[in-house]
Amino acid sequence: RLRNTYSESVNMIRGPYLNTEYLGFYLDSKTPEI
């Protein structure tokens, strides 16, 4: 939630975002762990 310090001067808008944050593996890597 927006802190009271800023509630008089700032508006916050929040909603769904079709965005997936992820880590990816490069499968052609020569590293055995990958």
Full PDB file with SEQRES, HELIX, SHEET, SSBOND, CRYST1, ORIGX, SCALE, CONECT and MASTER records, all heavy atoms in Angstrom:
SEQRES   1 A   34  ARG LEU ARG ASN THR TYR SER GLU SER VAL ASN MET ILE          
SEQRES   2 A   34  ARG GLY PRO TYR LEU ASN THR GLU TYR LEU GLY PHE TYR          
SEQRES   3 A   34  LEU ASP SER LYS THR PRO GLU ILE                              
HELIX    1 AA1 ASN A    4  SER A    7  1                                   4    
CRYST1    1.000    1.000    1.000  90.00  90.00  90.00 P 1           1          
ORIGX1      1.000000  0.000000  0.000000        0.00000                         
ORIGX2      0.000000  1.000000  0.000000        0.00000                         
ORIGX3      0.000000  0.000000  1.000000        0.00000                         
SCALE1      1.000000  0.000000  0.000000        0.00000                         
SCALE2      0.000000  1.000000  0.000000        0.00000                         
SCALE3      0.000000  0.000000  1.000000        0.00000                         
ATOM      1  N   ARG A   1       0.834  -1.203   0.000  1.00  0.00           N  
ATOM      2  CA  ARG A   1       0.000   0.000   0.000  1.00  0.00           C  
ATOM      3  C   ARG A   1       0.872   1.257   0.000  1.00  0.00           C  
ATOM      4  O   ARG A   1       1.985   1.241   0.517  1.00  0.00           O  
ATOM      5  CB  ARG A   1      -0.927   0.003   1.226  1.00  0.00           C  
ATOM      6  CG  ARG A   1      -2.018  -1.054   1.170  1.00  0.00           C  
ATOM      7  CD  ARG A   1      -2.893  -1.053   2.426  1.00  0.00           C  
ATOM      8  NE  ARG A   1      -2.150  -1.487   3.610  1.00  0.00           N  
ATOM      9  CZ  ARG A   1      -1.786  -0.683   4.591  1.00  0.00           C  
ATOM     10  NH1 ARG A   1      -2.084   0.613   4.544  1.00  0.00           N  
ATOM     11  NH2 ARG A   1      -1.113  -1.152   5.630  1.00  0.00           N  
ATOM     12  N   LEU A   2       0.340   2.321  -0.572  1.00  0.00           N  
ATOM     13  CA  LEU A   2       1.067   3.589  -0.618  1.00  0.00           C  
ATOM     14  C   LEU A   2       1.191   4.152   0.791  1.00  0.00           C  
ATOM     15  O   LEU A   2       0.222   4.212   1.549  1.00  0.00           O  
ATOM     16  CB  LEU A   2       0.306   4.578  -1.509  1.00  0.00           C  
ATOM     17  CG  LEU A   2       1.026   5.870  -1.912  1.00  0.00           C  
ATOM     18  CD1 LEU A   2       2.240   5.564  -2.786  1.00  0.00           C  
ATOM     19  CD2 LEU A   2       0.061   6.786  -2.649  1.00  0.00           C  
ATOM     20  N   ARG A   3       2.393   4.555   1.163  1.00  0.00           N  
ATOM     21  CA  ARG A   3       2.617   5.088   2.508  1.00  0.00           C  
ATOM     22  C   ARG A   3       1.908   6.442   2.668  1.00  0.00           C  
ATOM     23  O   ARG A   3       1.766   7.214   1.724  1.00  0.00           O  
ATOM     24  CB  ARG A   3       4.113   5.252   2.781  1.00  0.00           C  
ATOM     25  CG  ARG A   3       4.841   3.927   2.956  1.00  0.00           C  
ATOM     26  CD  ARG A   3       6.223   4.116   3.543  1.00  0.00           C  
ATOM     27  NE  ARG A   3       6.916   2.848   3.680  1.00  0.00           N  
ATOM     28  CZ  ARG A   3       6.761   2.011   4.702  1.00  0.00           C  
ATOM     29  NH1 ARG A   3       5.920   2.336   5.687  1.00  0.00           N  
ATOM     30  NH2 ARG A   3       7.431   0.873   4.754  1.00  0.00           N  
ATOM     31  N   ASN A   4       1.506   6.724   3.907  1.00  0.00           N  
ATOM     32  CA  ASN A   4       0.780   7.963   4.209  1.00  0.00           C  
ATOM     33  C   ASN A   4       1.563   9.201   3.816  1.00  0.00           C  
ATOM     34  O   ASN A   4       0.990  10.231   3.446  1.00  0.00           O  
ATOM     35  CB  ASN A   4       0.423   8.025   5.700  1.00  0.00           C  
ATOM     36  CG  ASN A   4      -0.597   6.977   6.095  1.00  0.00           C  
ATOM     37  OD1 ASN A   4      -1.372   6.522   5.248  1.00  0.00           O  
ATOM     38  ND2 ASN A   4      -0.616   6.589   7.364  1.00  0.00           N  
ATOM     39  N   THR A   5       2.898   9.105   3.885  1.00  0.00           N  
ATOM     40  CA  THR A   5       3.766  10.238   3.544  1.00  0.00           C  
ATOM     41  C   THR A   5       3.454  10.786   2.152  1.00  0.00           C  
ATOM     42  O   THR A   5       3.567  11.990   1.905  1.00  0.00           O  
ATOM     43  CB  THR A   5       5.244   9.796   3.573  1.00  0.00           C  
ATOM     44  OG1 THR A   5       5.495   9.076   4.773  1.00  0.00           O  
ATOM     45  CG2 THR A   5       6.190  10.978   3.459  1.00  0.00           C  
ATOM     46  N   TYR A   6       3.063   9.884   1.247  1.00  0.00           N  
ATOM     47  CA  TYR A   6       2.863  10.276  -0.147  1.00  0.00           C  
ATOM     48  C   TYR A   6       1.402  10.289  -0.573  1.00  0.00           C  
ATOM     49  O   TYR A   6       1.103  10.616  -1.729  1.00  0.00           O  
ATOM     50  CB  TYR A   6       3.660   9.339  -1.066  1.00  0.00           C  
ATOM     51  CG  TYR A   6       5.144   9.394  -0.809  1.00  0.00           C  
ATOM     52  CD1 TYR A   6       5.790   8.379  -0.120  1.00  0.00           C  
ATOM     53  CD2 TYR A   6       5.892  10.489  -1.224  1.00  0.00           C  
ATOM     54  CE1 TYR A   6       7.156   8.440   0.138  1.00  0.00           C  
ATOM     55  CE2 TYR A   6       7.256  10.570  -0.974  1.00  0.00           C  
ATOM     56  CZ  TYR A   6       7.879   9.540  -0.294  1.00  0.00           C  
ATOM     57  OH  TYR A   6       9.221   9.618  -0.050  1.00  0.00           O  
ATOM     58  N   SER A   7       0.494   9.936   0.309  1.00  0.00           N  
ATOM     59  CA  SER A   7      -0.905   9.783  -0.081  1.00  0.00           C  
ATOM     60  C   SER A   7      -1.552  11.105  -0.517  1.00  0.00           C  
ATOM     61  O   SER A   7      -2.530  11.108  -1.263  1.00  0.00           O  
ATOM     62  CB  SER A   7      -1.719   9.171   1.064  1.00  0.00           C  
ATOM     63  OG  SER A   7      -1.646   9.992   2.219  1.00  0.00           O  
ATOM     64  N   GLU A   8      -0.996  12.250  -0.048  1.00  0.00           N  
ATOM     65  CA  GLU A   8      -1.561  13.544  -0.416  1.00  0.00           C  
ATOM     66  C   GLU A   8      -1.075  14.041  -1.773  1.00  0.00           C  
ATOM     67  O   GLU A   8      -1.699  14.898  -2.392  1.00  0.00           O  
ATOM     68  CB  GLU A   8      -1.213  14.592   0.659  1.00  0.00           C  
ATOM     69  CG  GLU A   8      -1.836  14.328   2.018  1.00  0.00           C  
ATOM     70  CD  GLU A   8      -3.359  14.371   1.972  1.00  0.00           C  
ATOM     71  OE1 GLU A   8      -3.898  15.289   1.316  1.00  0.00           O  
ATOM     72  OE2 GLU A   8      -3.986  13.480   2.570  1.00  0.00           O  
ATOM     73  N   SER A   9       0.048  13.503  -2.237  1.00  0.00           N  
ATOM     74  CA  SER A   9       0.645  14.038  -3.463  1.00  0.00           C  
ATOM     75  C   SER A   9       0.730  13.030  -4.610  1.00  0.00           C  
ATOM     76  O   SER A   9       0.978  13.415  -5.757  1.00  0.00           O  
ATOM     77  CB  SER A   9       2.064  14.553  -3.172  1.00  0.00           C  
ATOM     78  OG  SER A   9       2.877  13.509  -2.647  1.00  0.00           O  
ATOM     79  N   VAL A  10       0.505  11.758  -4.302  1.00  0.00           N  
ATOM     80  CA  VAL A  10       0.724  10.700  -5.301  1.00  0.00           C  
ATOM     81  C   VAL A  10      -0.490   9.778  -5.384  1.00  0.00           C  
ATOM     82  O   VAL A  10      -1.098   9.438  -4.370  1.00  0.00           O  
ATOM     83  CB  VAL A  10       1.983   9.868  -4.934  1.00  0.00           C  
ATOM     84  CG1 VAL A  10       2.142   8.677  -5.868  1.00  0.00           C  
ATOM     85  CG2 VAL A  10       3.236  10.744  -4.970  1.00  0.00           C  
ATOM     86  N   ASN A  11      -0.838   9.388  -6.600  1.00  0.00           N  
ATOM     87  CA  ASN A  11      -1.834   8.343  -6.833  1.00  0.00           C  
ATOM     88  C   ASN A  11      -1.124   7.061  -7.242  1.00  0.00           C  
ATOM     89  O   ASN A  11      -0.126   7.109  -7.978  1.00  0.00           O  
ATOM     90  CB  ASN A  11      -2.796   8.731  -7.952  1.00  0.00           C  
ATOM     91  CG  ASN A  11      -3.840   9.731  -7.502  1.00  0.00           C  
ATOM     92  OD1 ASN A  11      -4.320   9.675  -6.369  1.00  0.00           O  
ATOM     93  ND2 ASN A  11      -4.196  10.658  -8.388  1.00  0.00           N  
ATOM     94  N   MET A  12      -1.641   5.914  -6.798  1.00  0.00           N  
ATOM     95  CA  MET A  12      -1.111   4.624  -7.217  1.00  0.00           C  
ATOM     96  C   MET A  12      -2.212   3.835  -7.926  1.00  0.00           C  
ATOM     97  O   MET A  12      -3.334   3.753  -7.433  1.00  0.00           O  
ATOM     98  CB  MET A  12      -0.603   3.814  -6.012  1.00  0.00           C  
ATOM     99  CG  MET A  12       0.007   2.471  -6.412  1.00  0.00           C  
ATOM    100  SD  MET A  12       0.720   1.558  -5.013  1.00  0.00           S  
ATOM    101  CE  MET A  12      -0.756   0.839  -4.284  1.00  0.00           C  
ATOM    102  N   ILE A  13      -1.890   3.302  -9.095  1.00  0.00           N  
ATOM    103  CA  ILE A  13      -2.823   2.455  -9.842  1.00  0.00           C  
ATOM    104  C   ILE A  13      -2.162   1.089 -10.003  1.00  0.00           C  
ATOM    105  O   ILE A  13      -0.985   0.997 -10.348  1.00  0.00           O  
ATOM    106  CB  ILE A  13      -3.127   3.019 -11.250  1.00  0.00           C  
ATOM    107  CG1 ILE A  13      -3.259   4.539 -11.224  1.00  0.00           C  
ATOM    108  CG2 ILE A  13      -4.375   2.393 -11.820  1.00  0.00           C  
ATOM    109  CD1 ILE A  13      -3.281   5.175 -12.590  1.00  0.00           C  
ATOM    110  N   ARG A  14      -2.926   0.041  -9.759  1.00  0.00           N  
ATOM    111  CA  ARG A  14      -2.365  -1.310  -9.752  1.00  0.00           C  
ATOM    112  C   ARG A  14      -3.346  -2.270 -10.411  1.00  0.00           C  
ATOM    113  O   ARG A  14      -4.550  -2.169 -10.199  1.00  0.00           O  
ATOM    114  CB  ARG A  14      -2.100  -1.708  -8.311  1.00  0.00           C  
ATOM    115  CG  ARG A  14      -1.537  -3.072  -8.070  1.00  0.00           C  
ATOM    116  CD  ARG A  14      -1.267  -3.235  -6.571  1.00  0.00           C  
ATOM    117  NE  ARG A  14      -1.011  -4.616  -6.215  1.00  0.00           N  
ATOM    118  CZ  ARG A  14      -0.787  -5.030  -4.970  1.00  0.00           C  
ATOM    119  NH1 ARG A  14      -0.777  -4.156  -3.972  1.00  0.00           N  
ATOM    120  NH2 ARG A  14      -0.557  -6.313  -4.727  1.00  0.00           N  
ATOM    121  N   GLY A  15      -2.841  -3.175 -11.250  1.00  0.00           N  
ATOM    122  CA  GLY A  15      -3.727  -4.126 -11.917  1.00  0.00           C  
ATOM    123  C   GLY A  15      -2.959  -5.253 -12.572  1.00  0.00           C  
ATOM    124  O   GLY A  15      -1.728  -5.274 -12.574  1.00  0.00           O  
ATOM    125  N   PRO A  16      -3.662  -6.229 -13.167  1.00  0.00           N  
ATOM    126  CA  PRO A  16      -3.018  -7.392 -13.789  1.00  0.00           C  
ATOM    127  C   PRO A  16      -2.096  -6.996 -14.935  1.00  0.00           C  
ATOM    128  O   PRO A  16      -2.334  -6.016 -15.637  1.00  0.00           O  
ATOM    129  CB  PRO A  16      -4.208  -8.213 -14.314  1.00  0.00           C  
ATOM    130  CG  PRO A  16      -5.394  -7.709 -13.575  1.00  0.00           C  
ATOM    131  CD  PRO A  16      -5.131  -6.270 -13.283  1.00  0.00           C  
ATOM    132  N   TYR A  17      -1.040  -7.781 -15.096  1.00  0.00           N  
ATOM    133  CA  TYR A  17      -0.044  -7.537 -16.144  1.00  0.00           C  
ATOM    134  C   TYR A  17       0.276  -8.871 -16.795  1.00  0.00           C  
ATOM    135  O   TYR A  17       0.676  -9.820 -16.117  1.00  0.00           O  
ATOM    136  CB  TYR A  17       1.204  -6.937 -15.489  1.00  0.00           C  
ATOM    137  CG  TYR A  17       2.268  -6.391 -16.419  1.00  0.00           C  
ATOM    138  CD1 TYR A  17       2.096  -6.311 -17.790  1.00  0.00           C  
ATOM    139  CD2 TYR A  17       3.474  -5.935 -15.889  1.00  0.00           C  
ATOM    140  CE1 TYR A  17       3.075  -5.785 -18.605  1.00  0.00           C  
ATOM    141  CE2 TYR A  17       4.466  -5.401 -16.699  1.00  0.00           C  
ATOM    142  CZ  TYR A  17       4.261  -5.331 -18.058  1.00  0.00           C  
ATOM    143  OH  TYR A  17       5.241  -4.816 -18.867  1.00  0.00           O  
ATOM    144  N   LEU A  18       0.104  -8.958 -18.102  1.00  0.00           N  
ATOM    145  CA  LEU A  18       0.412 -10.201 -18.820  1.00  0.00           C  
ATOM    146  C   LEU A  18       1.914 -10.256 -19.089  1.00  0.00           C  
ATOM    147  O   LEU A  18       2.396 -10.105 -20.208  1.00  0.00           O  
ATOM    148  CB  LEU A  18      -0.388 -10.285 -20.118  1.00  0.00           C  
ATOM    149  CG  LEU A  18      -1.913 -10.349 -19.935  1.00  0.00           C  
ATOM    150  CD1 LEU A  18      -2.614 -10.425 -21.288  1.00  0.00           C  
ATOM    151  CD2 LEU A  18      -2.319 -11.534 -19.068  1.00  0.00           C  
ATOM    152  N   ASN A  19       2.644 -10.483 -18.010  1.00  0.00           N  
ATOM    153  CA  ASN A  19       4.105 -10.499 -18.054  1.00  0.00           C  
ATOM    154  C   ASN A  19       4.613 -11.588 -17.114  1.00  0.00           C  
ATOM    155  O   ASN A  19       4.291 -11.578 -15.930  1.00  0.00           O  
ATOM    156  CB  ASN A  19       4.656  -9.142 -17.616  1.00  0.00           C  
ATOM    157  CG  ASN A  19       6.177  -9.147 -17.463  1.00  0.00           C  
ATOM    158  OD1 ASN A  19       6.869  -9.860 -18.184  1.00  0.00           O  
ATOM    159  ND2 ASN A  19       6.677  -8.372 -16.525  1.00  0.00           N  
ATOM    160  N   THR A  20       5.373 -12.517 -17.658  1.00  0.00           N  
ATOM    161  CA  THR A  20       5.987 -13.570 -16.853  1.00  0.00           C  
ATOM    162  C   THR A  20       7.476 -13.292 -16.710  1.00  0.00           C  
ATOM    163  O   THR A  20       8.197 -13.188 -17.706  1.00  0.00           O  
ATOM    164  CB  THR A  20       5.797 -14.956 -17.494  1.00  0.00           C  
ATOM    165  OG1 THR A  20       4.395 -15.221 -17.629  1.00  0.00           O  
ATOM    166  CG2 THR A  20       6.426 -16.052 -16.646  1.00  0.00           C  
ATOM    167  N   GLU A  21       7.930 -13.142 -15.484  1.00  0.00           N  
ATOM    168  CA  GLU A  21       9.359 -13.003 -15.196  1.00  0.00           C  
ATOM    169  C   GLU A  21       9.920 -14.403 -14.955  1.00  0.00           C  
ATOM    170  O   GLU A  21       9.316 -15.203 -14.232  1.00  0.00           O  
ATOM    171  CB  GLU A  21       9.576 -12.124 -13.964  1.00  0.00           C  
ATOM    172  CG  GLU A  21       9.066 -10.705 -14.107  1.00  0.00           C  
ATOM    173  CD  GLU A  21       9.976  -9.841 -14.960  1.00  0.00           C  
ATOM    174  OE1 GLU A  21      11.149 -10.229 -15.166  1.00  0.00           O  
ATOM    175  OE2 GLU A  21       9.507  -8.781 -15.421  1.00  0.00           O  
ATOM    176  N   TYR A  22      11.081 -14.705 -15.541  1.00  0.00           N  
ATOM    177  CA  TYR A  22      11.574 -16.081 -15.468  1.00  0.00           C  
ATOM    178  C   TYR A  22      13.098 -16.148 -15.563  1.00  0.00           C  
ATOM    179  O   TYR A  22      13.757 -15.173 -15.945  1.00  0.00           O  
ATOM    180  CB  TYR A  22      10.957 -16.931 -16.576  1.00  0.00           C  
ATOM    181  CG  TYR A  22      11.446 -16.593 -17.974  1.00  0.00           C  
ATOM    182  CD1 TYR A  22      12.490 -17.317 -18.563  1.00  0.00           C  
ATOM    183  CD2 TYR A  22      10.878 -15.562 -18.709  1.00  0.00           C  
ATOM    184  CE1 TYR A  22      12.949 -17.021 -19.837  1.00  0.00           C  
ATOM    185  CE2 TYR A  22      11.327 -15.252 -19.988  1.00  0.00           C  
ATOM    186  CZ  TYR A  22      12.358 -15.982 -20.546  1.00  0.00           C  
ATOM    187  OH  TYR A  22      12.817 -15.682 -21.813  1.00  0.00           O  
ATOM    188  N   LEU A  23      13.639 -17.313 -15.208  1.00  0.00           N  
ATOM    189  CA  LEU A  23      15.027 -17.659 -15.488  1.00  0.00           C  
ATOM    190  C   LEU A  23      15.012 -18.714 -16.583  1.00  0.00           C  
ATOM    191  O   LEU A  23      14.189 -19.635 -16.557  1.00  0.00           O  
ATOM    192  CB  LEU A  23      15.720 -18.226 -14.238  1.00  0.00           C  
ATOM    193  CG  LEU A  23      15.640 -17.422 -12.948  1.00  0.00           C  
ATOM    194  CD1 LEU A  23      16.376 -18.160 -11.827  1.00  0.00           C  
ATOM    195  CD2 LEU A  23      16.217 -16.021 -13.137  1.00  0.00           C  
ATOM    196  N   GLY A  24      15.916 -18.591 -17.536  1.00  0.00           N  
ATOM    197  CA  GLY A  24      15.965 -19.559 -18.627  1.00  0.00           C  
ATOM    198  C   GLY A  24      17.288 -20.308 -18.656  1.00  0.00           C  
ATOM    199  O   GLY A  24      18.326 -19.787 -18.241  1.00  0.00           O  
ATOM    200  N   PHE A  25      17.240 -21.554 -19.147  1.00  0.00           N  
ATOM    201  CA  PHE A  25      18.436 -22.384 -19.310  1.00  0.00           C  
ATOM    202  C   PHE A  25      18.738 -22.550 -20.793  1.00  0.00           C  
ATOM    203  O   PHE A  25      17.829 -22.823 -21.598  1.00  0.00           O  
ATOM    204  CB  PHE A  25      18.222 -23.772 -18.697  1.00  0.00           C  
ATOM    205  CG  PHE A  25      17.980 -23.783 -17.214  1.00  0.00           C  
ATOM    206  CD1 PHE A  25      16.690 -23.920 -16.716  1.00  0.00           C  
ATOM    207  CD2 PHE A  25      19.028 -23.662 -16.312  1.00  0.00           C  
ATOM    208  CE1 PHE A  25      16.454 -23.939 -15.351  1.00  0.00           C  
ATOM    209  CE2 PHE A  25      18.799 -23.679 -14.944  1.00  0.00           C  
ATOM    210  CZ  PHE A  25      17.512 -23.814 -14.462  1.00  0.00           C  
ATOM    211  N   TYR A  26      20.003 -22.415 -21.170  1.00  0.00           N  
ATOM    212  CA  TYR A  26      20.426 -22.653 -22.543  1.00  0.00           C  
ATOM    213  C   TYR A  26      20.812 -24.131 -22.662  1.00  0.00           C  
ATOM    214  O   TYR A  26      21.868 -24.557 -22.171  1.00  0.00           O  
ATOM    215  CB  TYR A  26      21.604 -21.754 -22.893  1.00  0.00           C  
ATOM    216  CG  TYR A  26      22.143 -21.945 -24.296  1.00  0.00           C  
ATOM    217  CD1 TYR A  26      21.331 -21.745 -25.410  1.00  0.00           C  
ATOM    218  CD2 TYR A  26      23.473 -22.330 -24.507  1.00  0.00           C  
ATOM    219  CE1 TYR A  26      21.818 -21.917 -26.691  1.00  0.00           C  
ATOM    220  CE2 TYR A  26      23.975 -22.506 -25.789  1.00  0.00           C  
ATOM    221  CZ  TYR A  26      23.143 -22.300 -26.879  1.00  0.00           C  
ATOM    222  OH  TYR A  26      23.628 -22.481 -28.156  1.00  0.00           O  
ATOM    223  N   LEU A  27      19.950 -24.915 -23.314  1.00  0.00           N  
ATOM    224  CA  LEU A  27      20.084 -26.372 -23.284  1.00  0.00           C  
ATOM    225  C   LEU A  27      21.233 -26.906 -24.131  1.00  0.00           C  
ATOM    226  O   LEU A  27      21.622 -28.071 -23.965  1.00  0.00           O  
ATOM    227  CB  LEU A  27      18.763 -27.018 -23.721  1.00  0.00           C  
ATOM    228  CG  LEU A  27      17.528 -26.618 -22.899  1.00  0.00           C  
ATOM    229  CD1 LEU A  27      16.304 -27.384 -23.379  1.00  0.00           C  
ATOM    230  CD2 LEU A  27      17.771 -26.871 -21.412  1.00  0.00           C  
ATOM    231  N   ASP A  28      21.773 -26.089 -25.028  1.00  0.00           N  
ATOM    232  CA  ASP A  28      22.943 -26.520 -25.808  1.00  0.00           C  
ATOM    233  C   ASP A  28      24.254 -26.227 -25.080  1.00  0.00           C  
ATOM    234  O   ASP A  28      25.341 -26.375 -25.640  1.00  0.00           O  
ATOM    235  CB  ASP A  28      22.950 -25.837 -27.179  1.00  0.00           C  
ATOM    236  CG  ASP A  28      21.978 -26.491 -28.155  1.00  0.00           C  
ATOM    237  OD1 ASP A  28      21.527 -27.612 -27.864  1.00  0.00           O  
ATOM    238  OD2 ASP A  28      21.657 -25.877 -29.194  1.00  0.00           O  
ATOM    239  N   SER A  29      24.150 -25.800 -23.836  1.00  0.00           N  
ATOM    240  CA  SER A  29      25.336 -25.541 -23.023  1.00  0.00           C  
ATOM    241  C   SER A  29      26.142 -26.823 -22.821  1.00  0.00           C  
ATOM    242  O   SER A  29      25.592 -27.926 -22.780  1.00  0.00           O  
ATOM    243  CB  SER A  29      24.906 -24.998 -21.655  1.00  0.00           C  
ATOM    244  OG  SER A  29      25.975 -25.028 -20.744  1.00  0.00           O  
ATOM    245  N   LYS A  30      27.466 -26.669 -22.706  1.00  0.00           N  
ATOM    246  CA  LYS A  30      28.347 -27.813 -22.434  1.00  0.00           C  
ATOM    247  C   LYS A  30      28.453 -28.094 -20.937  1.00  0.00           C  
ATOM    248  O   LYS A  30      29.092 -29.073 -20.531  1.00  0.00           O  
ATOM    249  CB  LYS A  30      29.747 -27.544 -22.994  1.00  0.00           C  
ATOM    250  CG  LYS A  30      29.778 -27.219 -24.479  1.00  0.00           C  
ATOM    251  CD  LYS A  30      29.192 -28.346 -25.322  1.00  0.00           C  
ATOM    252  CE  LYS A  30      29.279 -28.004 -26.816  1.00  0.00           C  
ATOM    253  NZ  LYS A  30      28.598 -29.033 -27.654  1.00  0.00           N  
ATOM    254  N   THR A  31      27.826 -27.269 -20.111  1.00  0.00           N  
ATOM    255  CA  THR A  31      27.892 -27.434 -18.661  1.00  0.00           C  
ATOM    256  C   THR A  31      26.990 -28.583 -18.214  1.00  0.00           C  
ATOM    257  O   THR A  31      25.782 -28.545 -18.468  1.00  0.00           O  
ATOM    258  CB  THR A  31      27.448 -26.133 -17.952  1.00  0.00           C  
ATOM    259  OG1 THR A  31      28.226 -25.042 -18.454  1.00  0.00           O  
ATOM    260  CG2 THR A  31      27.618 -26.249 -16.451  1.00  0.00           C  
ATOM    261  N   PRO A  32      27.532 -29.613 -17.566  1.00  0.00           N  
ATOM    262  CA  PRO A  32      26.718 -30.784 -17.175  1.00  0.00           C  
ATOM    263  C   PRO A  32      25.514 -30.411 -16.303  1.00  0.00           C  
ATOM    264  O   PRO A  32      24.440 -31.001 -16.456  1.00  0.00           O  
ATOM    265  CB  PRO A  32      27.708 -31.657 -16.399  1.00  0.00           C  
ATOM    266  CG  PRO A  32      29.058 -31.229 -16.867  1.00  0.00           C  
ATOM    267  CD  PRO A  32      28.951 -29.778 -17.191  1.00  0.00           C  
ATOM    268  N   GLU A  33      25.696 -29.444 -15.409  1.00  0.00           N  
ATOM    269  CA  GLU A  33      24.590 -29.066 -14.523  1.00  0.00           C  
ATOM    270  C   GLU A  33      23.417 -28.481 -15.309  1.00  0.00           C  
ATOM    271  O   GLU A  33      22.251 -28.740 -14.979  1.00  0.00           O  
ATOM    272  CB  GLU A  33      25.073 -28.037 -13.479  1.00  0.00           C  
ATOM    273  CG  GLU A  33      26.016 -28.605 -12.433  1.00  0.00           C  
ATOM    274  CD  GLU A  33      27.483 -28.526 -12.839  1.00  0.00           C  
ATOM    275  OE1 GLU A  33      27.775 -28.455 -14.058  1.00  0.00           O  
ATOM    276  OE2 GLU A  33      28.345 -28.551 -11.939  1.00  0.00           O  
ATOM    277  N   ILE A  34      23.712 -27.707 -16.349  1.00  0.00           N  
ATOM    278  CA  ILE A  34      22.650 -27.096 -17.155  1.00  0.00           C  
ATOM    279  C   ILE A  34      21.949 -28.162 -17.998  1.00  0.00           C  
ATOM    280  O   ILE A  34      20.740 -28.105 -18.220  1.00  0.00           O  
ATOM    281  CB  ILE A  34      23.219 -25.982 -18.061  1.00  0.00           C  
ATOM    282  CG1 ILE A  34      23.819 -24.858 -17.206  1.00  0.00           C  
ATOM    283  CG2 ILE A  34      22.144 -25.427 -18.993  1.00  0.00           C  
ATOM    284  CD1 ILE A  34      22.840 -24.114 -16.339  1.00  0.00           C  
TER     285      ILE A  34                                                      
MASTER        0    0    0    1    0    0    0    6  284    1    0    3          
END                                                                             
